[in-house]
PDB file of N, CA and C in Angstrom:
ATOM      1  N   MET A   1       0.082 -27.005  20.035  1.00  0.00           N
ATOM      2  CA  MET A   1       0.218 -25.366  19.621  1.00  0.00           C
ATOM      3  C   MET A   1      -0.390 -24.551  20.647  1.00  0.00           C
ATOM      4  N   ASN A   2       0.382 -23.910  21.351  1.00  0.00           N
ATOM      5  CA  ASN A   2      -0.209 -23.827  22.573  1.00  0.00           C
ATOM      6  C   ASN A   2      -1.365 -22.798  21.891  1.00  0.00           C
ATOM      7  N   GLY A   3      -2.243 -21.938  22.855  1.00  0.00           N
ATOM      8  CA  GLY A   3      -3.321 -20.342  22.006  1.00  0.00           C
ATOM      9  C   GLY A   3      -3.098 -19.370  21.778  1.00  0.00           C
ATOM     10  N   LEU A   4      -1.462 -19.109  21.829  1.00  0.00           N
ATOM     11  CA  LEU A   4      -1.154 -17.957  21.220  1.00  0.00           C
ATOM     12  C   LEU A   4      -1.334 -18.083  19.655  1.00  0.00           C
ATOM     13  N   SER A   5      -0.766 -18.789  19.524  1.00  0.00           N
ATOM     14  CA  SER A   5      -0.288 -19.369  17.605  1.00  0.00           C
ATOM     15  C   SER A   5      -1.115 -19.427  17.243  1.00  0.00           C
ATOM     16  N   ASP A   6      -2.906 -20.262  17.794  1.00  0.00           N
ATOM     17  CA  ASP A   6      -3.446 -20.687  17.671  1.00  0.00           C
ATOM     18  C   ASP A   6      -4.415 -18.997  17.276  1.00  0.00           C
ATOM     19  N   VAL A   7      -4.231 -17.992  18.099  1.00  0.00           N
ATOM     20  CA  VAL A   7      -4.131 -16.577  17.843  1.00  0.00           C
ATOM     21  C   VAL A   7      -4.242 -16.130  16.551  1.00  0.00           C
ATOM     22  N   ARG A   8      -2.836 -16.590  17.027  1.00  0.00           N
ATOM     23  CA  ARG A   8      -2.339 -15.451  15.236  1.00  0.00           C
ATOM     24  C   ARG A   8      -2.448 -16.285  14.427  1.00  0.00           C
ATOM     25  N   LEU A   9      -2.271 -17.331  14.118  1.00  0.00           N
ATOM     26  CA  LEU A   9      -2.774 -18.221  12.927  1.00  0.00           C
ATOM     27  C   LEU A   9      -4.345 -17.732  11.998  1.00  0.00           C
ATOM     28  N   THR A  10      -4.765 -17.898  13.294  1.00  0.00           N
ATOM     29  CA  THR A  10      -6.708 -17.394  12.889  1.00  0.00           C
ATOM     30  C   THR A  10      -6.243 -15.714  12.794  1.00  0.00           C
ATOM     31  N   LEU A  11      -5.997 -14.579  12.897  1.00  0.00           N
ATOM     32  CA  LEU A  11      -5.204 -13.458  12.402  1.00  0.00           C
ATOM     33  C   LEU A  11      -5.124 -13.704  11.531  1.00  0.00           C
ATOM     34  N   HIS A  12      -3.599 -13.967  11.749  1.00  0.00           N
ATOM     35  CA  HIS A  12      -2.896 -14.882  10.045  1.00  0.00           C
ATOM     36  C   HIS A  12      -3.692 -14.124   8.555  1.00  0.00           C
ATOM     37  N   SER A  13      -4.268 -15.275   9.239  1.00  0.00           N
ATOM     38  CA  SER A  13      -5.315 -15.922   7.484  1.00  0.00           C
ATOM     39  C   SER A  13      -6.397 -14.910   7.605  1.00  0.00           C
ATOM     40  N   GLN A  14      -7.097 -14.586   8.459  1.00  0.00           N
ATOM     41  CA  GLN A  14      -8.012 -13.440   8.541  1.00  0.00           C
ATOM     42  C   GLN A  14      -7.923 -11.705   7.530  1.00  0.00           C
ATOM     43  N   GLU A  15      -6.600 -11.671   7.890  1.00  0.00           N
ATOM     44  CA  GLU A  15      -5.047 -10.627   7.085  1.00  0.00           C
ATOM     45  C   GLU A  15      -5.201 -10.632   5.915  1.00  0.00           C
ATOM     46  N   LEU A  16      -4.941 -11.833   5.910  1.00  0.00           N
ATOM     47  CA  LEU A  16      -4.572 -12.841   4.185  1.00  0.00           C
ATOM     48  C   LEU A  16      -5.827 -12.529   3.454  1.00  0.00           C
ATOM     49  N   ALA A  17      -6.902 -12.879   4.113  1.00  0.00           N
ATOM     50  CA  ALA A  17      -8.171 -13.344   3.235  1.00  0.00           C
ATOM     51  C   ALA A  17      -8.281 -11.829   2.959  1.00  0.00           C
ATOM     52  N   ALA A  18      -8.366 -10.690   4.049  1.00  0.00           N
ATOM     53  CA  ALA A  18      -8.714  -9.410   3.417  1.00  0.00           C
ATOM     54  C   ALA A  18      -7.625  -8.586   3.060  1.00  0.00           C
ATOM     55  N   GLY A  19      -6.444  -8.703   2.112  1.00  0.00           N
ATOM     56  CA  GLY A  19      -5.493  -8.420   1.788  1.00  0.00           C
ATOM     57  C   GLY A  19      -6.079  -8.810  -0.384  1.00  0.00           C
ATOM     58  N   GLN A  20      -6.281 -10.107   0.026  1.00  0.00           N
ATOM     59  CA  GLN A  20      -6.903 -10.625  -1.279  1.00  0.00           C
ATOM     60  C   GLN A  20      -8.120 -10.034  -1.674  1.00  0.00           C
ATOM     61  N   GLU A  21      -8.768  -9.709  -1.024  1.00  0.00           N
ATOM     62  CA  GLU A  21     -10.464  -8.748  -1.037  1.00  0.00           C
ATOM     63  C   GLU A  21     -10.248  -7.780  -1.341  1.00  0.00           C
ATOM     64  N   LYS A  22      -9.199  -7.381  -1.622  1.00  0.00           N
ATOM     65  CA  LYS A  22      -8.945  -5.589  -1.408  1.00  0.00           C
ATOM     66  C   LYS A  22      -7.644  -5.759  -2.847  1.00  0.00           C
ATOM     67  N   GLY A  23      -7.047  -6.960  -2.920  1.00  0.00           N
ATOM     68  CA  GLY A  23      -6.298  -6.369  -4.301  1.00  0.00           C
ATOM     69  C   GLY A  23      -7.181  -7.047  -4.773  1.00  0.00           C
ATOM     70  N   LEU A  24      -8.152  -7.836  -5.043  1.00  0.00           N
ATOM     71  CA  LEU A  24      -8.817  -8.144  -6.225  1.00  0.00           C
ATOM     72  C   LEU A  24      -9.448  -7.161  -6.745  1.00  0.00           C
ATOM     73  N   ARG A  25      -9.706  -6.214  -5.581  1.00  0.00           N
ATOM     74  CA  ARG A  25     -11.192  -5.202  -6.025  1.00  0.00           C
ATOM     75  C   ARG A  25     -10.383  -4.048  -7.199  1.00  0.00           C
ATOM     76  N   SER A  26      -8.716  -4.057  -6.075  1.00  0.00           N
ATOM     77  CA  SER A  26      -8.172  -2.643  -6.794  1.00  0.00           C
ATOM     78  C   SER A  26      -7.446  -3.730  -8.919  1.00  0.00           C
ATOM     79  N   ALA A  27      -7.435  -4.875  -8.576  1.00  0.00           N
ATOM     80  CA  ALA A  27      -7.364  -5.164 -10.356  1.00  0.00           C
ATOM     81  C   ALA A  27      -8.171  -4.929 -11.181  1.00  0.00           C
ATOM     82  N   MET A  28      -9.166  -5.770 -10.712  1.00  0.00           N
ATOM     83  CA  MET A  28     -10.306  -4.930 -10.972  1.00  0.00           C
ATOM     84  C   MET A  28     -10.937  -4.056 -12.038  1.00  0.00           C
ATOM     85  N   SER A  29     -10.309  -2.765 -10.612  1.00  0.00           N
ATOM     86  CA  SER A  29     -11.038  -1.368 -11.330  1.00  0.00           C
ATOM     87  C   SER A  29      -9.508  -1.009 -12.252  1.00  0.00           C
ATOM     88  N   ARG A  30      -8.740  -1.582 -12.502  1.00  0.00           N
ATOM     89  CA  ARG A  30      -7.989  -0.718 -12.598  1.00  0.00           C
ATOM     90  C   ARG A  30      -6.559  -1.682 -12.847  1.00  0.00           C
ATOM     91  N   ASN A  31      -7.031  -2.965 -14.352  1.00  0.00           N
ATOM     92  CA  ASN A  31      -5.475  -4.309 -14.616  1.00  0.00           C
ATOM     93  C   ASN A  31      -4.569  -3.192 -15.474  1.00  0.00           C
ATOM     94  N   ALA A  32      -4.856  -2.065 -16.082  1.00  0.00           N
ATOM     95  CA  ALA A  32      -4.221  -1.040 -17.208  1.00  0.00           C
ATOM     96  C   ALA A  32      -2.738  -0.781 -16.325  1.00  0.00           C
ATOM     97  N   PRO A  33      -2.062  -0.999 -16.354  1.00  0.00           N
ATOM     98  CA  PRO A  33      -0.153   0.328 -16.630  1.00  0.00           C
ATOM     99  C   PRO A  33      -1.440   1.277 -15.862  1.00  0.00           C
ATOM    100  N   THR A  34      -0.187   1.556 -14.700  1.00  0.00           N
ATOM    101  CA  THR A  34      -0.213   2.085 -13.539  1.00  0.00           C
ATOM    102  C   THR A  34      -0.165   4.193 -13.898  1.00  0.00           C
ATOM    103  N   CYS A  35       0.886   4.278 -15.353  1.00  0.00           N
ATOM    104  CA  CYS A  35       1.712   5.140 -16.130  1.00  0.00           C
ATOM    105  C   CYS A  35      -0.375   5.996 -15.854  1.00  0.00           C
ATOM    106  N   LEU A  36      -1.139   5.282 -17.264  1.00  0.00           N
ATOM    107  CA  LEU A  36      -1.273   6.144 -18.185  1.00  0.00           C
ATOM    108  C   LEU A  36      -2.448   6.603 -17.619  1.00  0.00           C
ATOM    109  N   GLY A  37      -3.296   8.076 -17.696  1.00  0.00           N
ATOM    110  CA  GLY A  37      -4.001   8.707 -18.256  1.00  0.00           C
ATOM    111  C   GLY A  37      -5.247   8.454 -17.991  1.00  0.00           C
ATOM    112  N   ARG A  38      -6.041   9.353 -17.765  1.00  0.00           N
ATOM    113  CA  ARG A  38      -7.489   8.871 -17.930  1.00  0.00           C
ATOM    114  C   ARG A  38      -8.133   8.400 -19.246  1.00  0.00           C
ATOM    115  N   TRP A  39      -7.352   9.287 -20.404  1.00  0.00           N
ATOM    116  CA  TRP A  39      -7.423   8.531 -21.984  1.00  0.00           C
ATOM    117  C   TRP A  39      -6.326   7.409 -22.707  1.00  0.00           C
ATOM    118  N   GLY A  40      -5.445   7.180 -21.931  1.00  0.00           N
ATOM    119  CA  GLY A  40      -4.679   5.518 -22.307  1.00  0.00           C
ATOM    120  C   GLY A  40      -4.839   5.105 -21.473  1.00  0.00           C
ATOM    121  N   LEU A  41      -6.077   5.247 -20.583  1.00  0.00           N
ATOM    122  CA  LEU A  41      -7.122   3.771 -19.564  1.00  0.00           C
ATOM    123  C   LEU A  41      -8.471   3.790 -20.624  1.00  0.00           C
ATOM    124  N   PHE A  42      -8.990   3.921 -20.564  1.00  0.00           N
ATOM    125  CA  PHE A  42      -9.827   4.071 -21.555  1.00  0.00           C
ATOM    126  C   PHE A  42      -9.795   3.891 -22.836  1.00  0.00           C
ATOM    127  N   TRP A  43      -8.338   3.920 -23.335  1.00  0.00           N
ATOM    128  CA  TRP A  43      -7.828   3.607 -25.163  1.00  0.00           C
ATOM    129  C   TRP A  43      -7.124   1.615 -24.244  1.00  0.00           C
ATOM    130  N   HIS A  44      -6.441   1.835 -23.743  1.00  0.00           N
ATOM    131  CA  HIS A  44      -6.651   0.363 -22.915  1.00  0.00           C
ATOM    132  C   HIS A  44      -7.644  -0.421 -22.643  1.00  0.00           C
ATOM    133  N   ARG A  45      -8.622  -0.422 -22.115  1.00  0.00           N
ATOM    134  CA  ARG A  45     -10.194  -0.572 -22.230  1.00  0.00           C
ATOM    135  C   ARG A  45     -10.658  -1.163 -23.618  1.00  0.00           C
ATOM    136  N   LEU A  46     -10.305  -0.003 -24.068  1.00  0.00           N
ATOM    137  CA  LEU A  46     -11.182  -0.261 -25.234  1.00  0.00           C
ATOM    138  C   LEU A  46     -10.528  -1.706 -26.454  1.00  0.00           C
ATOM    139  N   HIS A  47      -9.503  -1.325 -26.644  1.00  0.00           N
ATOM    140  CA  HIS A  47      -8.421  -2.328 -27.406  1.00  0.00           C
ATOM    141  C   HIS A  47      -8.576  -3.716 -26.910  1.00  0.00           C
ATOM    142  N   THR A  48      -8.155  -3.560 -24.593  1.00  0.00           N
ATOM    143  CA  THR A  48      -8.459  -5.156 -24.765  1.00  0.00           C
ATOM    144  C   THR A  48      -9.783  -5.858 -25.286  1.00  0.00           C
ATOM    145  N   ARG A  49     -10.486  -4.933 -24.424  1.00  0.00           N
ATOM    146  CA  ARG A  49     -11.942  -5.567 -25.152  1.00  0.00           C
ATOM    147  C   ARG A  49     -12.014  -5.688 -25.778  1.00  0.00           C
ATOM    148  N   LYS A  50     -11.490  -5.098 -27.172  1.00  0.00           N
ATOM    149  CA  LYS A  50     -11.995  -6.041 -28.972  1.00  0.00           C
ATOM    150  C   LYS A  50     -11.382  -7.404 -28.896  1.00  0.00           C
ATOM    151  N   ALA A  51     -10.295  -6.839 -28.279  1.00  0.00           N
ATOM    152  CA  ALA A  51      -9.758  -8.747 -28.675  1.00  0.00           C
ATOM    153  C   ALA A  51     -10.196  -9.521 -27.421  1.00  0.00           C
ATOM    154  N   LEU A  52     -10.708  -9.150 -26.559  1.00  0.00           N
ATOM    155  CA  LEU A  52     -11.356 -10.669 -25.826  1.00  0.00           C
ATOM    156  C   LEU A  52     -12.470 -10.816 -26.830  1.00  0.00           C
ATOM    157  N   LEU A  53     -13.705 -10.343 -27.592  1.00  0.00           N
ATOM    158  CA  LEU A  53     -14.521 -11.133 -28.733  1.00  0.00           C
ATOM    159  C   LEU A  53     -13.592 -12.310 -29.693  1.00  0.00           C
ATOM    160  N   GLU A  54     -12.096 -11.628 -29.761  1.00  0.00           N
ATOM    161  CA  GLU A  54     -11.761 -11.771 -30.919  1.00  0.00           C
ATOM    162  C   GLU A  54     -10.680 -13.474 -30.587  1.00  0.00           C
ATOM    163  N   LEU A  55     -10.799 -14.189 -29.446  1.00  0.00           N
ATOM    164  CA  LEU A  55      -9.840 -15.592 -28.788  1.00  0.00           C
ATOM    165  C   LEU A  55     -10.433 -16.201 -28.883  1.00  0.00           C
ATOM    166  N   THR A  56      -9.444 -17.007 -29.854  1.00  0.00           N
ATOM    167  CA  THR A  56     -10.506 -18.442 -29.525  1.00  0.00           C
ATOM    168  C   THR A  56     -11.112 -19.444 -28.623  1.00  0.00           C
ATOM    169  N   PRO A  57     -11.770 -20.057 -28.440  1.00  0.00           N
ATOM    170  CA  PRO A  57     -12.392 -21.126 -27.584  1.00  0.00           C
ATOM    171  C   PRO A  57     -10.755 -21.550 -26.502  1.00  0.00           C
ATOM    172  N   GLU A  58      -9.528 -21.837 -27.429  1.00  0.00           N
ATOM    173  CA  GLU A  58      -8.822 -22.606 -26.144  1.00  0.00           C
ATOM    174  C   GLU A  58      -8.474 -21.063 -25.094  1.00  0.00           C
ATOM    175  N   GLN A  59      -7.733 -19.926 -26.018  1.00  0.00           N
ATOM    176  CA  GLN A  59      -7.832 -19.144 -25.579  1.00  0.00           C
ATOM    177  C   GLN A  59      -8.615 -18.998 -24.442  1.00  0.00           C
ATOM    178  N   LEU A  60      -9.521 -18.457 -24.355  1.00  0.00           N
ATOM    179  CA  LEU A  60     -10.633 -18.365 -23.249  1.00  0.00           C
ATOM    180  C   LEU A  60     -10.182 -19.405 -22.672  1.00  0.00           C
ATOM    181  N   ARG A  61     -10.164 -20.536 -22.710  1.00  0.00           N
ATOM    182  CA  ARG A  61     -10.746 -21.515 -21.915  1.00  0.00           C
ATOM    183  C   ARG A  61      -8.462 -21.276 -20.576  1.00  0.00           C
ATOM    184  N   ASP A  62      -7.633 -21.501 -21.423  1.00  0.00           N
ATOM    185  CA  ASP A  62      -6.582 -20.724 -21.110  1.00  0.00           C
ATOM    186  C   ASP A  62      -6.502 -19.941 -19.609  1.00  0.00           C
ATOM    187  N   ILE A  63      -7.602 -18.103 -20.217  1.00  0.00           N
ATOM    188  CA  ILE A  63      -8.103 -17.151 -18.904  1.00  0.00           C
ATOM    189  C   ILE A  63      -8.771 -17.832 -18.015  1.00  0.00           C
ATOM    190  N   GLY A  64      -9.645 -18.377 -18.097  1.00  0.00           N
ATOM    191  CA  GLY A  64     -10.979 -19.424 -17.742  1.00  0.00           C
ATOM    192  C   GLY A  64     -11.955 -18.253 -17.292  1.00  0.00           C
ATOM    193  N   LEU A  65     -12.364 -18.544 -19.483  1.00  0.00           N
ATOM    194  CA  LEU A  65     -13.476 -17.616 -19.409  1.00  0.00           C
ATOM    195  C   LEU A  65     -14.141 -17.974 -20.297  1.00  0.00           C
ATOM    196  N   SER A  66     -15.725 -18.250 -20.035  1.00  0.00           N
ATOM    197  CA  SER A  66     -16.329 -18.586 -21.324  1.00  0.00           C
ATOM    198  C   SER A  66     -17.027 -17.820 -22.576  1.00  0.00           C
ATOM    199  N   ARG A  67     -16.979 -18.367 -23.075  1.00  0.00           N
ATOM    200  CA  ARG A  67     -17.239 -17.107 -24.931  1.00  0.00           C
ATOM    201  C   ARG A  67     -18.650 -16.423 -24.544  1.00  0.00           C
ATOM    202  N   GLU A  68     -19.414 -16.106 -22.967  1.00  0.00           N
ATOM    203  CA  GLU A  68     -20.527 -15.260 -22.564  1.00  0.00           C
ATOM    204  C   GLU A  68     -20.165 -14.543 -21.833  1.00  0.00           C
ATOM    205  N   GLN A  69     -18.803 -14.626 -21.445  1.00  0.00           N
ATOM    206  CA  GLN A  69     -18.505 -13.529 -19.931  1.00  0.00           C
ATOM    207  C   GLN A  69     -17.511 -12.808 -21.203  1.00  0.00           C
ATOM    208  N   ALA A  70     -16.860 -13.131 -21.696  1.00  0.00           N
ATOM    209  CA  ALA A  70     -15.631 -13.114 -23.190  1.00  0.00           C
ATOM    210  C   ALA A  70     -16.334 -11.764 -23.416  1.00  0.00           C
ATOM    211  N   ARG A  71     -17.946 -11.866 -24.236  1.00  0.00           N
ATOM    212  CA  ARG A  71     -18.805 -11.388 -24.775  1.00  0.00           C
ATOM    213  C   ARG A  71     -19.177 -10.812 -24.287  1.00  0.00           C
ATOM    214  N   GLU A  72     -19.400 -10.169 -22.599  1.00  0.00           N
ATOM    215  CA  GLU A  72     -20.706  -9.427 -22.348  1.00  0.00           C
ATOM    216  C   GLU A  72     -19.445  -8.101 -21.722  1.00  0.00           C
ATOM    217  N   GLU A  73     -17.760  -9.335 -21.347  1.00  0.00           N
ATOM    218  CA  GLU A  73     -16.479  -7.999 -21.399  1.00  0.00           C
ATOM    219  C   GLU A  73     -16.560  -6.880 -22.554  1.00  0.00           C
ATOM    220  N   GLY A  74     -16.647  -7.972 -23.591  1.00  0.00           N
ATOM    221  CA  GLY A  74     -16.171  -7.305 -24.589  1.00  0.00           C
ATOM    222  C   GLY A  74     -16.603  -6.135 -25.531  1.00  0.00           C
ATOM    223  N   LEU A  75     -17.927  -6.909 -24.927  1.00  0.00           N
ATOM    224  CA  LEU A  75     -19.133  -5.104 -25.454  1.00  0.00           C
ATOM    225  C   LEU A  75     -19.794  -3.794 -24.365  1.00  0.00           C
ATOM    226  N   ARG A  76     -19.186  -4.361 -23.485  1.00  0.00           N
ATOM    227  CA  ARG A  76     -19.194  -3.410 -22.422  1.00  0.00           C
ATOM    228  C   ARG A  76     -18.821  -1.639 -23.027  1.00  0.00           C
ATOM    229  N   PRO A  77     -19.261  -0.395 -22.270  1.00  0.00           N
ATOM    230  CA  PRO A  77     -18.207   0.633 -23.076  1.00  0.00           C
ATOM    231  C   PRO A  77     -16.629   0.741 -22.396  1.00  0.00           C
ATOM    232  N   PHE A  78     -16.405   1.600 -22.925  1.00  0.00           N
ATOM    233  CA  PHE A  78     -15.081   1.648 -22.291  1.00  0.00           C
ATOM    234  C   PHE A  78     -14.955   2.714 -21.126  1.00  0.00           C
ATOM    235  N   TRP A  79     -16.019   3.044 -21.234  1.00  0.00           N
ATOM    236  CA  TRP A  79     -15.515   4.404 -20.010  1.00  0.00           C
ATOM    237  C   TRP A  79     -16.287   2.951 -18.460  1.00  0.00           C
ATOM    238  N   ARG A  80     -16.880   2.386 -18.659  1.00  0.00           N
ATOM    239  CA  ARG A  80     -16.954   2.122 -17.572  1.00  0.00           C
ATOM    240  C   ARG A  80     -16.001   0.327 -17.369  1.00  0.00           C
ATOM    241  N   LEU A  81     -16.511   0.634 -15.919  1.00  0.00           N
ATOM    242  CA  LEU A  81     -14.548  -0.454 -15.139  1.00  0.00           C
ATOM    243  C   LEU A  81     -15.454  -1.914 -15.095  1.00  0.00           C
TER     244      LEU A  81
END
């Protein structure tokens, strides 16, 4: 490879990393459907957080959460991200 290709690869990998961080932040801040308004978003959070509390250990393992993480998220108020 010549020097130009190495630079392009480095820049491309940096852009990908930056895009993944941005995408992760936006996914964390709003994982509900975009068509929901504020109250719909609150309703969605309330129900999904309650559902986390009811998951079995096998289901938690499938989604990559520990019981403590699920409990912590499930007990958060619906108005908090």
